[in-house]
Amino acid sequence: MQSLFQILMLILDLIWFIIIAHVIMSWLINFQVLNLRQPLVAQIWDGLNRILEPAYSAIRRILPPMGGLDLAPLVALIAIYALRIILANNAAVFYSY
């Protein structure tokens, strides 16, 4: 069971870094540091959007409109952090078997 706990924490860490990469890449695209006409940048951007958009759309349905400010990544990061806290506080369940 300890392995399950570590795998869950690894998955949450991976999702955390994917969201951070998506946010940073969106800033770089908006400030025209990265250009979506470059094939590699476009492929990475499309891949990140395909991975994260289902979660973001579910969060956006719950959040009120913020006038162009997208808080879905922030809410997703807070949710991941909350899940990490819940898992860490209940780690004894994973180690008892």
Protein backbone atom coordinates (compact mmCIF):
# COMPACT_ATOMS: atom_id res chain seq x y z
CA MET A 1 0.00 0.00 0.00
CA GLN A 2 2.94 2.30 0.52
CA SER A 3 3.59 2.03 -3.20
CA LEU A 4 0.04 3.19 -3.93
CA PHE A 5 0.56 6.26 -1.74
CA GLN A 6 3.80 7.10 -3.53
CA ILE A 7 2.23 6.60 -6.95
CA LEU A 8 -0.68 8.89 -6.06
CA MET A 9 1.72 11.57 -4.83
CA LEU A 10 3.78 11.20 -8.02
CA ILE A 11 0.68 11.61 -10.19
CA LEU A 12 -0.35 14.72 -8.28
CA ASP A 13 3.18 16.14 -8.65
CA LEU A 14 3.12 15.43 -12.37
CA ILE A 15 -0.24 17.14 -12.82
CA TRP A 16 1.05 20.10 -10.76
CA PHE A 17 4.05 20.56 -13.07
CA ILE A 18 1.94 20.17 -16.21
CA ILE A 19 -0.37 22.96 -15.02
CA ILE A 20 2.58 25.19 -14.13
CA ALA A 21 4.13 24.55 -17.58
CA HIS A 22 0.81 25.39 -19.23
CA VAL A 23 0.47 28.66 -17.30
CA ILE A 24 4.05 29.73 -18.05
CA MET A 25 3.69 28.79 -21.70
CA SER A 26 0.45 30.78 -21.97
CA TRP A 27 2.24 33.83 -20.56
CA LEU A 28 5.11 33.40 -23.01
CA ILE A 29 2.67 33.10 -25.91
CA ASN A 30 0.68 36.16 -24.79
CA PHE A 31 3.85 38.25 -24.42
CA GLN A 32 4.95 37.02 -27.87
CA VAL A 33 8.10 35.32 -26.62
CA LEU A 34 6.84 32.06 -28.14
CA ASN A 35 5.17 31.88 -31.52
CA LEU A 36 2.45 29.31 -32.22
CA ARG A 37 3.52 29.21 -35.89
CA GLN A 38 6.57 27.21 -34.82
CA PRO A 39 5.62 23.52 -35.16
CA LEU A 40 7.19 22.34 -31.90
CA VAL A 41 5.61 25.13 -29.85
CA ALA A 42 2.23 24.50 -31.50
CA GLN A 43 2.43 20.75 -30.79
CA ILE A 44 3.37 21.26 -27.13
CA TRP A 45 0.64 23.88 -26.69
CA ASP A 46 -1.96 21.65 -28.33
CA GLY A 47 -0.93 18.67 -26.21
CA LEU A 48 -1.11 20.64 -22.96
CA ASN A 49 -4.52 22.03 -23.94
CA ARG A 50 -5.85 18.55 -24.74
CA ILE A 51 -4.65 17.25 -21.38
CA LEU A 52 -5.89 20.14 -19.24
CA GLU A 53 -8.98 21.47 -21.00
CA PRO A 54 -11.41 18.81 -19.66
CA ALA A 55 -10.47 19.70 -16.08
CA TYR A 56 -10.45 23.43 -16.78
CA SER A 57 -13.87 23.33 -18.44
CA ALA A 58 -15.37 21.56 -15.42
CA ILE A 59 -13.87 24.20 -13.12
CA ARG A 60 -15.03 27.05 -15.39
CA ARG A 61 -18.63 25.80 -15.19
CA ILE A 62 -18.50 26.26 -11.41
CA LEU A 63 -16.63 29.59 -11.30
CA PRO A 64 -18.48 32.83 -12.01
CA PRO A 65 -17.31 34.87 -15.03
CA MET A 66 -14.33 37.03 -14.08
CA GLY A 67 -14.17 39.33 -17.11
CA GLY A 68 -11.34 37.74 -19.07
CA LEU A 69 -9.40 36.48 -16.05
CA ASP A 70 -9.10 32.70 -16.08
CA LEU A 71 -8.82 31.34 -12.54
CA ALA A 72 -9.28 27.69 -13.54
CA PRO A 73 -5.54 26.85 -13.32
CA LEU A 74 -5.34 28.45 -9.86
CA VAL A 75 -8.35 26.48 -8.64
CA ALA A 76 -6.86 23.29 -10.11
CA LEU A 77 -3.55 23.92 -8.32
CA ILE A 78 -5.35 24.56 -5.03
CA ALA A 79 -7.35 21.35 -5.48
CA ILE A 80 -4.19 19.35 -6.15
CA TYR A 81 -2.52 20.85 -3.10
CA ALA A 82 -5.58 20.02 -0.99
CA LEU A 83 -5.50 16.42 -2.24
CA ARG A 84 -1.81 16.19 -1.32
CA ILE A 85 -2.61 17.43 2.20
CA ILE A 86 -5.45 14.93 2.56
CA LEU A 87 -3.23 12.07 1.35
CA ALA A 88 -0.34 13.10 3.61
CA ASN A 89 -2.60 13.38 6.66
CA ASN A 90 -4.05 9.96 5.97
CA ALA A 91 -0.77 8.29 5.03
CA ALA A 92 -1.11 5.93 7.99
CA VAL A 93 -3.91 4.16 6.12
CA PHE A 94 -1.48 3.32 3.32
CA TYR A 95 1.28 2.16 5.68
CA SER A 96 -0.86 0.00 7.94
CA TYR A 97 -1.22 -2.91 5.51
